[in-house]
Amino acid sequence: MDKADFHPPQSRFEILRDRLRQLYHGRTPTALRFQAVTTIVDLLIIAFFIAAPLLKGRPAFFWIDYSIAVLMMVEIGARLLASTNMLRLLRQPTMLLDLFILSTLLMPQWLENFGFLRILRLWSLSKKGIVWVQLRATRFREWENVIRALGNIVTFLFVVTGFVYTFFFQQAGGLESYVEALYFTVATVTTTGFGDLTLPGIAGKLTSIVVMIVGITLFVRLAQTLFRPNKILFPCPECALQRHEPDAVYCKACGHRLKIPDEGL
């Protein structure tokens, strides 16, 4: 046998890493099912984060909290093993955010006031390519940008609601206080501002100003996404421009001839 054709047997660790790469980055039916399951688990975790202010103080809360922490540690470890460059992955904003969220789960007594930032996990989820790959395989692919914009607004609403509840309504506690925080957030973000519920002091007024400014920006972005002409997602082979007119023959950026599939539409 030629020495150039000889490959030493893989260790169990290398086999595990290869398997994880196939599951996280592959496009086989098994990999797609695995990625779909991880997405569903992420959504369930996010639902717990949203409901967490209402569940605090209940006997099962810390058990669920630490169980999610263990689950996240396993998931983060698996993603690191599946990566070809662990250091680069650790420097990515989504990974740094997940590590911070993990720290709030492991140390809830010390980082309790930052628990509302856990909902940013929804933003982290929106950065996973598999979510959009699966969406593009359905008839709803043209709504990708709208769904992204809605995801940003929903994330912002619940992050601000958690912040307002933590620093202005937590002393009262309970479902009513959380609904009041959500009511204030929605009224402020949409700039309707009914005035029947306001935050006290300078900190409250500054919070309202920031929420209104960011809220207007997000809603303008959503409006632009809804009303601009629909475009086809098709990467140009020459310059990689993603969005083109449905009947485009040439790329408007570099002039390369395109061959956009008709799909019978």
C-alpha atoms as a PDB file:
ATOM      1  CA  MET A   1       0.000   0.000   0.000  1.00  0.00           C
ATOM      2  CA  ASP A   2       1.259   3.455  -0.898  1.00  0.00           C
ATOM      3  CA  LYS A   3       2.156   5.511   2.177  1.00  0.00           C
ATOM      4  CA  ALA A   4       0.271   8.457   0.681  1.00  0.00           C
ATOM      5  CA  ASP A   5      -2.923   6.381   0.785  1.00  0.00           C
ATOM      6  CA  PHE A   6      -2.450   5.334   4.392  1.00  0.00           C
ATOM      7  CA  HIS A   7      -4.642   7.148   6.955  1.00  0.00           C
ATOM      8  CA  PRO A   8      -4.256   6.391  10.668  1.00  0.00           C
ATOM      9  CA  PRO A   9      -7.466   5.260  12.355  1.00  0.00           C
ATOM     10  CA  GLN A  10      -9.501   8.017  13.969  1.00  0.00           C
ATOM     11  CA  SER A  11      -9.737   8.202  17.720  1.00  0.00           C
ATOM     12  CA  ARG A  12     -13.118   8.155  19.430  1.00  0.00           C
ATOM     13  CA  PHE A  13     -12.792  11.877  20.061  1.00  0.00           C
ATOM     14  CA  GLU A  14     -12.236  12.594  16.371  1.00  0.00           C
ATOM     15  CA  ILE A  15     -15.150  10.336  15.426  1.00  0.00           C
ATOM     16  CA  LEU A  16     -17.356  12.242  17.880  1.00  0.00           C
ATOM     17  CA  ARG A  17     -16.314  15.598  16.389  1.00  0.00           C
ATOM     18  CA  ASP A  18     -16.972  14.398  12.856  1.00  0.00           C
ATOM     19  CA  ARG A  19     -20.395  13.119  13.873  1.00  0.00           C
ATOM     20  CA  LEU A  20     -21.277  16.425  15.529  1.00  0.00           C
ATOM     21  CA  ARG A  21     -20.129  18.363  12.442  1.00  0.00           C
ATOM     22  CA  GLN A  22     -22.409  16.241  10.296  1.00  0.00           C
ATOM     23  CA  LEU A  23     -25.350  16.850  12.634  1.00  0.00           C
ATOM     24  CA  TYR A  24     -24.839  20.609  13.060  1.00  0.00           C
ATOM     25  CA  HIS A  25     -23.750  21.500   9.520  1.00  0.00           C
ATOM     26  CA  GLY A  26     -24.968  18.647   7.323  1.00  0.00           C
ATOM     27  CA  ARG A  27     -27.956  18.581   4.981  1.00  0.00           C
ATOM     28  CA  THR A  28     -28.857  14.904   5.305  1.00  0.00           C
ATOM     29  CA  PRO A  29     -32.352  13.991   6.569  1.00  0.00           C
ATOM     30  CA  THR A  30     -30.875  12.949   9.926  1.00  0.00           C
ATOM     31  CA  ALA A  31     -28.965  16.235  10.272  1.00  0.00           C
ATOM     32  CA  LEU A  32     -32.015  18.309   9.325  1.00  0.00           C
ATOM     33  CA  ARG A  33     -34.152  16.467  11.887  1.00  0.00           C
ATOM     34  CA  PHE A  34     -31.494  17.044  14.548  1.00  0.00           C
ATOM     35  CA  GLN A  35     -31.293  20.758  13.688  1.00  0.00           C
ATOM     36  CA  ALA A  36     -35.095  21.042  13.761  1.00  0.00           C
ATOM     37  CA  VAL A  37     -35.201  19.426  17.216  1.00  0.00           C
ATOM     38  CA  THR A  38     -32.517  21.789  18.564  1.00  0.00           C
ATOM     39  CA  THR A  39     -34.510  24.748  17.207  1.00  0.00           C
ATOM     40  CA  ILE A  40     -37.672  23.539  18.981  1.00  0.00           C
ATOM     41  CA  VAL A  41     -35.723  23.076  22.235  1.00  0.00           C
ATOM     42  CA  ASP A  42     -34.348  26.615  21.854  1.00  0.00           C
ATOM     43  CA  LEU A  43     -37.890  27.977  21.465  1.00  0.00           C
ATOM     44  CA  LEU A  44     -39.018  26.129  24.611  1.00  0.00           C
ATOM     45  CA  ILE A  45     -36.052  27.561  26.541  1.00  0.00           C
ATOM     46  CA  ILE A  46     -36.917  31.062  25.302  1.00  0.00           C
ATOM     47  CA  ALA A  47     -40.530  30.542  26.421  1.00  0.00           C
ATOM     48  CA  PHE A  48     -39.228  29.708  29.911  1.00  0.00           C
ATOM     49  CA  PHE A  49     -37.057  32.840  29.915  1.00  0.00           C
ATOM     50  CA  ILE A  50     -40.102  34.969  29.046  1.00  0.00           C
ATOM     51  CA  ALA A  51     -42.177  33.371  31.812  1.00  0.00           C
ATOM     52  CA  ALA A  52     -39.305  33.340  34.349  1.00  0.00           C
ATOM     53  CA  PRO A  53     -40.355  36.552  36.188  1.00  0.00           C
ATOM     54  CA  LEU A  54     -43.707  34.922  36.963  1.00  0.00           C
ATOM     55  CA  LEU A  55     -42.182  31.608  38.061  1.00  0.00           C
ATOM     56  CA  LYS A  56     -39.631  32.964  40.536  1.00  0.00           C
ATOM     57  CA  GLY A  57     -40.248  31.841  44.076  1.00  0.00           C
ATOM     58  CA  ARG A  58     -41.889  28.594  43.070  1.00  0.00           C
ATOM     59  CA  PRO A  59     -40.224  25.365  44.289  1.00  0.00           C
ATOM     60  CA  ALA A  60     -39.591  24.023  40.789  1.00  0.00           C
ATOM     61  CA  PHE A  61     -38.065  27.226  39.433  1.00  0.00           C
ATOM     62  CA  PHE A  62     -34.432  26.560  40.382  1.00  0.00           C
ATOM     63  CA  TRP A  63     -34.690  22.930  39.249  1.00  0.00           C
ATOM     64  CA  ILE A  64     -35.808  24.089  35.805  1.00  0.00           C
ATOM     65  CA  ASP A  65     -33.223  26.869  35.862  1.00  0.00           C
ATOM     66  CA  TYR A  66     -30.310  24.527  36.554  1.00  0.00           C
ATOM     67  CA  SER A  67     -31.650  21.875  34.163  1.00  0.00           C
ATOM     68  CA  ILE A  68     -31.599  24.450  31.363  1.00  0.00           C
ATOM     69  CA  ALA A  69     -28.082  25.430  32.445  1.00  0.00           C
ATOM     70  CA  VAL A  70     -26.930  21.818  32.056  1.00  0.00           C
ATOM     71  CA  LEU A  71     -28.689  21.587  28.694  1.00  0.00           C
ATOM     72  CA  MET A  72     -27.002  24.783  27.495  1.00  0.00           C
ATOM     73  CA  MET A  73     -23.586  23.578  28.676  1.00  0.00           C
ATOM     74  CA  VAL A  74     -24.005  20.375  26.690  1.00  0.00           C
ATOM     75  CA  GLU A  75     -25.198  22.310  23.624  1.00  0.00           C
ATOM     76  CA  ILE A  76     -22.371  24.863  23.801  1.00  0.00           C
ATOM     77  CA  GLY A  77     -19.823  22.077  24.253  1.00  0.00           C
ATOM     78  CA  ALA A  78     -21.255  20.201  21.262  1.00  0.00           C
ATOM     79  CA  ARG A  79     -21.089  23.327  19.093  1.00  0.00           C
ATOM     80  CA  LEU A  80     -17.466  23.874  20.087  1.00  0.00           C
ATOM     81  CA  LEU A  81     -16.572  20.290  19.226  1.00  0.00           C
ATOM     82  CA  ALA A  82     -18.392  20.597  15.896  1.00  0.00           C
ATOM     83  CA  SER A  83     -16.460  23.756  15.024  1.00  0.00           C
ATOM     84  CA  THR A  84     -13.267  23.648  12.967  1.00  0.00           C
ATOM     85  CA  ASN A  85     -11.995  26.746  14.805  1.00  0.00           C
ATOM     86  CA  MET A  86     -13.035  26.880  18.460  1.00  0.00           C
ATOM     87  CA  LEU A  87     -11.335  30.206  19.222  1.00  0.00           C
ATOM     88  CA  ARG A  88     -13.085  31.940  16.335  1.00  0.00           C
ATOM     89  CA  LEU A  89     -16.430  30.508  17.486  1.00  0.00           C
ATOM     90  CA  LEU A  90     -15.803  31.719  21.044  1.00  0.00           C
ATOM     91  CA  ARG A  91     -15.294  35.261  19.729  1.00  0.00           C
ATOM     92  CA  GLN A  92     -18.620  35.356  17.896  1.00  0.00           C
ATOM     93  CA  PRO A  93     -21.312  37.594  19.476  1.00  0.00           C
ATOM     94  CA  THR A  94     -23.870  34.779  19.588  1.00  0.00           C
ATOM     95  CA  MET A  95     -21.500  32.509  21.514  1.00  0.00           C
ATOM     96  CA  LEU A  96     -20.511  35.293  23.925  1.00  0.00           C
ATOM     97  CA  LEU A  97     -24.198  35.977  24.509  1.00  0.00           C
ATOM     98  CA  ASP A  98     -24.904  32.282  25.168  1.00  0.00           C
ATOM     99  CA  LEU A  99     -22.028  32.144  27.656  1.00  0.00           C
ATOM    100  CA  PHE A 100     -23.427  35.177  29.467  1.00  0.00           C
ATOM    101  CA  ILE A 101     -26.903  33.620  29.548  1.00  0.00           C
ATOM    102  CA  LEU A 102     -25.345  30.430  30.931  1.00  0.00           C
ATOM    103  CA  SER A 103     -23.680  32.435  33.701  1.00  0.00           C
ATOM    104  CA  THR A 104     -27.053  33.949  34.713  1.00  0.00           C
ATOM    105  CA  LEU A 105     -28.460  30.418  34.931  1.00  0.00           C
ATOM    106  CA  LEU A 106     -25.586  29.111  37.019  1.00  0.00           C
ATOM    107  CA  MET A 107     -25.470  32.142  39.339  1.00  0.00           C
ATOM    108  CA  PRO A 108     -29.072  33.403  39.563  1.00  0.00           C
ATOM    109  CA  GLN A 109     -28.580  34.847  43.049  1.00  0.00           C
ATOM    110  CA  TRP A 110     -25.774  37.170  41.911  1.00  0.00           C
ATOM    111  CA  LEU A 111     -26.952  37.944  38.377  1.00  0.00           C
ATOM    112  CA  GLU A 112     -30.683  38.066  39.059  1.00  0.00           C
ATOM    113  CA  ASN A 113     -31.063  41.634  37.800  1.00  0.00           C
ATOM    114  CA  PHE A 114     -29.624  40.659  34.420  1.00  0.00           C
ATOM    115  CA  GLY A 115     -32.016  37.756  33.900  1.00  0.00           C
ATOM    116  CA  PHE A 116     -34.110  39.773  31.438  1.00  0.00           C
ATOM    117  CA  LEU A 117     -31.182  39.628  28.987  1.00  0.00           C
ATOM    118  CA  ARG A 118     -31.726  35.882  28.623  1.00  0.00           C
ATOM    119  CA  ILE A 119     -34.478  36.680  26.123  1.00  0.00           C
ATOM    120  CA  LEU A 120     -31.734  37.805  23.729  1.00  0.00           C
ATOM    121  CA  ARG A 121     -31.415  34.074  23.103  1.00  0.00           C
ATOM    122  CA  LEU A 122     -34.211  34.698  20.579  1.00  0.00           C
ATOM    123  CA  TRP A 123     -31.885  37.036  18.667  1.00  0.00           C
ATOM    124  CA  SER A 124     -29.153  34.406  18.889  1.00  0.00           C
ATOM    125  CA  LEU A 125     -31.582  31.837  17.460  1.00  0.00           C
ATOM    126  CA  SER A 126     -32.377  34.162  14.546  1.00  0.00           C
ATOM    127  CA  LYS A 127     -28.703  34.096  13.570  1.00  0.00           C
ATOM    128  CA  LYS A 128     -28.715  30.324  13.064  1.00  0.00           C
ATOM    129  CA  GLY A 129     -28.569  29.614   9.359  1.00  0.00           C
ATOM    130  CA  ILE A 130     -30.574  26.395   9.641  1.00  0.00           C
ATOM    131  CA  VAL A 131     -33.711  28.340  10.596  1.00  0.00           C
ATOM    132  CA  TRP A 132     -33.637  30.250   7.325  1.00  0.00           C
ATOM    133  CA  VAL A 133     -32.478  27.277   5.246  1.00  0.00           C
ATOM    134  CA  GLN A 134     -35.578  25.379   6.338  1.00  0.00           C
ATOM    135  CA  LEU A 135     -37.803  28.407   5.733  1.00  0.00           C
ATOM    136  CA  ARG A 136     -36.428  28.844   2.202  1.00  0.00           C
ATOM    137  CA  ALA A 137     -37.473  25.287   1.438  1.00  0.00           C
ATOM    138  CA  THR A 138     -41.134  26.233   2.025  1.00  0.00           C
ATOM    139  CA  ARG A 139     -43.602  28.467   0.197  1.00  0.00           C
ATOM    140  CA  PHE A 140     -43.042  31.141   2.864  1.00  0.00           C
ATOM    141  CA  ARG A 141     -39.464  31.881   1.744  1.00  0.00           C
ATOM    142  CA  GLU A 142     -40.440  35.340   0.426  1.00  0.00           C
ATOM    143  CA  TRP A 143     -41.386  36.317   3.974  1.00  0.00           C
ATOM    144  CA  GLU A 144     -37.891  35.759   5.376  1.00  0.00           C
ATOM    145  CA  ASN A 145     -37.029  39.446   5.796  1.00  0.00           C
ATOM    146  CA  VAL A 146     -40.429  40.197   7.328  1.00  0.00           C
ATOM    147  CA  ILE A 147     -40.006  37.347   9.829  1.00  0.00           C
ATOM    148  CA  ARG A 148     -36.504  38.593  10.673  1.00  0.00           C
ATOM    149  CA  ALA A 149     -37.853  42.113  11.320  1.00  0.00           C
ATOM    150  CA  LEU A 150     -40.719  40.764  13.427  1.00  0.00           C
ATOM    151  CA  GLY A 151     -38.251  38.637  15.395  1.00  0.00           C
ATOM    152  CA  ASN A 152     -36.187  41.731  16.187  1.00  0.00           C
ATOM    153  CA  ILE A 153     -39.285  43.602  17.396  1.00  0.00           C
ATOM    154  CA  VAL A 154     -40.511  40.695  19.544  1.00  0.00           C
ATOM    155  CA  THR A 155     -37.028  40.290  21.063  1.00  0.00           C
ATOM    156  CA  PHE A 156     -36.844  44.009  21.846  1.00  0.00           C
ATOM    157  CA  LEU A 157     -40.351  44.043  23.352  1.00  0.00           C
ATOM    158  CA  PHE A 158     -39.634  41.234  25.801  1.00  0.00           C
ATOM    159  CA  VAL A 159     -36.140  42.453  26.692  1.00  0.00           C
ATOM    160  CA  VAL A 160     -37.536  45.889  27.532  1.00  0.00           C
ATOM    161  CA  THR A 161     -40.482  44.333  29.362  1.00  0.00           C
ATOM    162  CA  GLY A 162     -38.055  42.299  31.462  1.00  0.00           C
ATOM    163  CA  PHE A 163     -35.940  45.386  32.151  1.00  0.00           C
ATOM    164  CA  VAL A 164     -38.949  47.524  33.139  1.00  0.00           C
ATOM    165  CA  TYR A 165     -40.354  44.743  35.327  1.00  0.00           C
ATOM    166  CA  THR A 166     -36.993  44.117  37.030  1.00  0.00           C
ATOM    167  CA  PHE A 167     -36.194  47.734  37.876  1.00  0.00           C
ATOM    168  CA  PHE A 168     -39.640  49.338  38.253  1.00  0.00           C
ATOM    169  CA  PHE A 169     -42.309  46.707  39.024  1.00  0.00           C
ATOM    170  CA  GLN A 170     -40.553  43.751  40.646  1.00  0.00           C
ATOM    171  CA  GLN A 171     -41.321  44.838  44.201  1.00  0.00           C
ATOM    172  CA  ALA A 172     -45.034  44.383  43.579  1.00  0.00           C
ATOM    173  CA  GLY A 173     -44.411  41.135  41.679  1.00  0.00           C
ATOM    174  CA  GLY A 174     -47.016  38.847  40.183  1.00  0.00           C
ATOM    175  CA  LEU A 175     -48.755  38.559  36.834  1.00  0.00           C
ATOM    176  CA  GLU A 176     -50.426  41.970  37.077  1.00  0.00           C
ATOM    177  CA  SER A 177     -47.106  43.775  37.452  1.00  0.00           C
ATOM    178  CA  TYR A 178     -45.593  41.883  34.533  1.00  0.00           C
ATOM    179  CA  VAL A 179     -48.592  42.725  32.344  1.00  0.00           C
ATOM    180  CA  GLU A 180     -48.234  46.385  33.365  1.00  0.00           C
ATOM    181  CA  ALA A 181     -44.569  46.290  32.313  1.00  0.00           C
ATOM    182  CA  LEU A 182     -45.560  44.739  28.981  1.00  0.00           C
ATOM    183  CA  TYR A 183     -48.384  47.262  28.551  1.00  0.00           C
ATOM    184  CA  PHE A 184     -46.012  50.167  29.184  1.00  0.00           C
ATOM    185  CA  THR A 185     -43.458  48.716  26.755  1.00  0.00           C
ATOM    186  CA  VAL A 186     -45.956  48.236  23.922  1.00  0.00           C
ATOM    187  CA  ALA A 187     -47.481  51.686  24.444  1.00  0.00           C
ATOM    188  CA  THR A 188     -44.046  53.311  24.458  1.00  0.00           C
ATOM    189  CA  VAL A 189     -42.564  51.368  21.538  1.00  0.00           C
ATOM    190  CA  THR A 190     -45.586  52.142  19.371  1.00  0.00           C
ATOM    191  CA  THR A 191     -45.435  55.770  20.652  1.00  0.00           C
ATOM    192  CA  THR A 192     -49.168  55.684  21.443  1.00  0.00           C
ATOM    193  CA  GLY A 193     -48.253  56.624  25.016  1.00  0.00           C
ATOM    194  CA  PHE A 194     -51.663  56.589  26.695  1.00  0.00           C
ATOM    195  CA  GLY A 195     -50.153  58.259  29.755  1.00  0.00           C
ATOM    196  CA  ASP A 196     -52.035  56.132  32.290  1.00  0.00           C
ATOM    197  CA  LEU A 197     -48.842  54.279  33.169  1.00  0.00           C
ATOM    198  CA  THR A 198     -45.468  56.033  33.430  1.00  0.00           C
ATOM    199  CA  LEU A 199     -42.094  55.234  34.992  1.00  0.00           C
ATOM    200  CA  PRO A 200     -41.027  57.391  37.933  1.00  0.00           C
ATOM    201  CA  GLY A 201     -37.996  59.653  38.124  1.00  0.00           C
ATOM    202  CA  ILE A 202     -35.320  60.660  35.654  1.00  0.00           C
ATOM    203  CA  ALA A 203     -34.340  57.027  35.058  1.00  0.00           C
ATOM    204  CA  GLY A 204     -37.931  56.260  34.052  1.00  0.00           C
ATOM    205  CA  LYS A 205     -38.084  59.163  31.599  1.00  0.00           C
ATOM    206  CA  LEU A 206     -34.716  58.241  30.053  1.00  0.00           C
ATOM    207  CA  THR A 207     -35.886  54.638  29.697  1.00  0.00           C
ATOM    208  CA  SER A 208     -39.019  55.820  27.900  1.00  0.00           C
ATOM    209  CA  ILE A 209     -36.997  57.993  25.515  1.00  0.00           C
ATOM    210  CA  VAL A 210     -34.617  55.166  24.566  1.00  0.00           C
ATOM    211  CA  VAL A 211     -37.490  52.705  24.110  1.00  0.00           C
ATOM    212  CA  MET A 212     -39.371  55.115  21.830  1.00  0.00           C
ATOM    213  CA  ILE A 213     -36.320  55.860  19.666  1.00  0.00           C
ATOM    214  CA  VAL A 214     -35.377  52.210  19.207  1.00  0.00           C
ATOM    215  CA  GLY A 215     -39.024  51.213  18.765  1.00  0.00           C
ATOM    216  CA  ILE A 216     -39.571  53.722  15.962  1.00  0.00           C
ATOM    217  CA  THR A 217     -36.419  52.460  14.222  1.00  0.00           C
ATOM    218  CA  LEU A 218     -37.571  48.838  14.385  1.00  0.00           C
ATOM    219  CA  PHE A 219     -41.066  49.641  13.128  1.00  0.00           C
ATOM    220  CA  VAL A 220     -39.699  51.702  10.239  1.00  0.00           C
ATOM    221  CA  ARG A 221     -37.496  48.755   9.325  1.00  0.00           C
ATOM    222  CA  LEU A 222     -40.531  46.441   9.420  1.00  0.00           C
ATOM    223  CA  ALA A 223     -42.547  48.833   7.249  1.00  0.00           C
ATOM    224  CA  GLN A 224     -39.737  49.014   4.689  1.00  0.00           C
ATOM    225  CA  THR A 225     -39.574  45.228   4.588  1.00  0.00           C
ATOM    226  CA  LEU A 226     -43.338  44.896   4.137  1.00  0.00           C
ATOM    227  CA  PHE A 227     -43.816  47.474   1.401  1.00  0.00           C
ATOM    228  CA  ARG A 228     -40.694  47.243  -0.728  1.00  0.00           C
ATOM    229  CA  PRO A 229     -40.973  45.080  -3.844  1.00  0.00           C
ATOM    230  CA  ASN A 230     -40.505  41.341  -3.378  1.00  0.00           C
ATOM    231  CA  LYS A 231     -37.140  40.076  -4.553  1.00  0.00           C
ATOM    232  CA  ILE A 232     -35.730  36.646  -5.228  1.00  0.00           C
ATOM    233  CA  LEU A 233     -33.028  35.237  -2.960  1.00  0.00           C
ATOM    234  CA  PHE A 234     -30.410  33.904  -5.360  1.00  0.00           C
ATOM    235  CA  PRO A 235     -26.632  34.389  -4.833  1.00  0.00           C
ATOM    236  CA  CYS A 236     -24.855  35.803  -7.866  1.00  0.00           C
ATOM    237  CA  PRO A 237     -22.022  33.398  -8.844  1.00  0.00           C
ATOM    238  CA  GLU A 238     -19.724  36.359  -9.521  1.00  0.00           C
ATOM    239  CA  CYS A 239     -20.251  38.899  -6.700  1.00  0.00           C
ATOM    240  CA  ALA A 240     -22.561  36.917  -4.337  1.00  0.00           C
ATOM    241  CA  LEU A 241     -25.302  39.591  -4.291  1.00  0.00           C
ATOM    242  CA  GLN A 242     -28.289  37.812  -2.735  1.00  0.00           C
ATOM    243  CA  ARG A 243     -31.411  39.765  -3.745  1.00  0.00           C
ATOM    244  CA  HIS A 244     -32.577  40.243  -7.331  1.00  0.00           C
ATOM    245  CA  GLU A 245     -35.764  41.177  -9.165  1.00  0.00           C
ATOM    246  CA  PRO A 246     -37.899  38.097  -9.955  1.00  0.00           C
ATOM    247  CA  ASP A 247     -37.362  38.568 -13.713  1.00  0.00           C
ATOM    248  CA  ALA A 248     -33.691  39.651 -13.513  1.00  0.00           C
ATOM    249  CA  VAL A 249     -31.449  38.353 -16.296  1.00  0.00           C
ATOM    250  CA  TYR A 250     -28.271  40.154 -15.232  1.00  0.00           C
ATOM    251  CA  CYS A 251     -26.906  41.009 -11.784  1.00  0.00           C
ATOM    252  CA  LYS A 252     -27.397  44.715 -11.151  1.00  0.00           C
ATOM    253  CA  ALA A 253     -24.149  44.875  -9.150  1.00  0.00           C
ATOM    254  CA  CYS A 254     -21.654  43.223 -11.510  1.00  0.00           C
ATOM    255  CA  GLY A 255     -23.608  42.488 -14.706  1.00  0.00           C
ATOM    256  CA  HIS A 256     -23.057  38.723 -14.523  1.00  0.00           C
ATOM    257  CA  ARG A 257     -25.698  36.678 -16.343  1.00  0.00           C
ATOM    258  CA  LEU A 258     -28.064  35.004 -13.880  1.00  0.00           C
ATOM    259  CA  LYS A 259     -29.942  31.751 -14.163  1.00  0.00           C
ATOM    260  CA  ILE A 260     -32.651  32.122 -11.551  1.00  0.00           C
ATOM    261  CA  PRO A 261     -34.864  29.008 -11.351  1.00  0.00           C
ATOM    262  CA  ASP A 262     -38.444  29.719 -12.456  1.00  0.00           C
ATOM    263  CA  GLU A 263     -40.076  27.035 -10.258  1.00  0.00           C
ATOM    264  CA  GLY A 264     -43.216  27.411 -12.348  1.00  0.00           C
ATOM    265  CA  LEU A 265     -44.338  30.623 -10.582  1.00  0.00           C
END
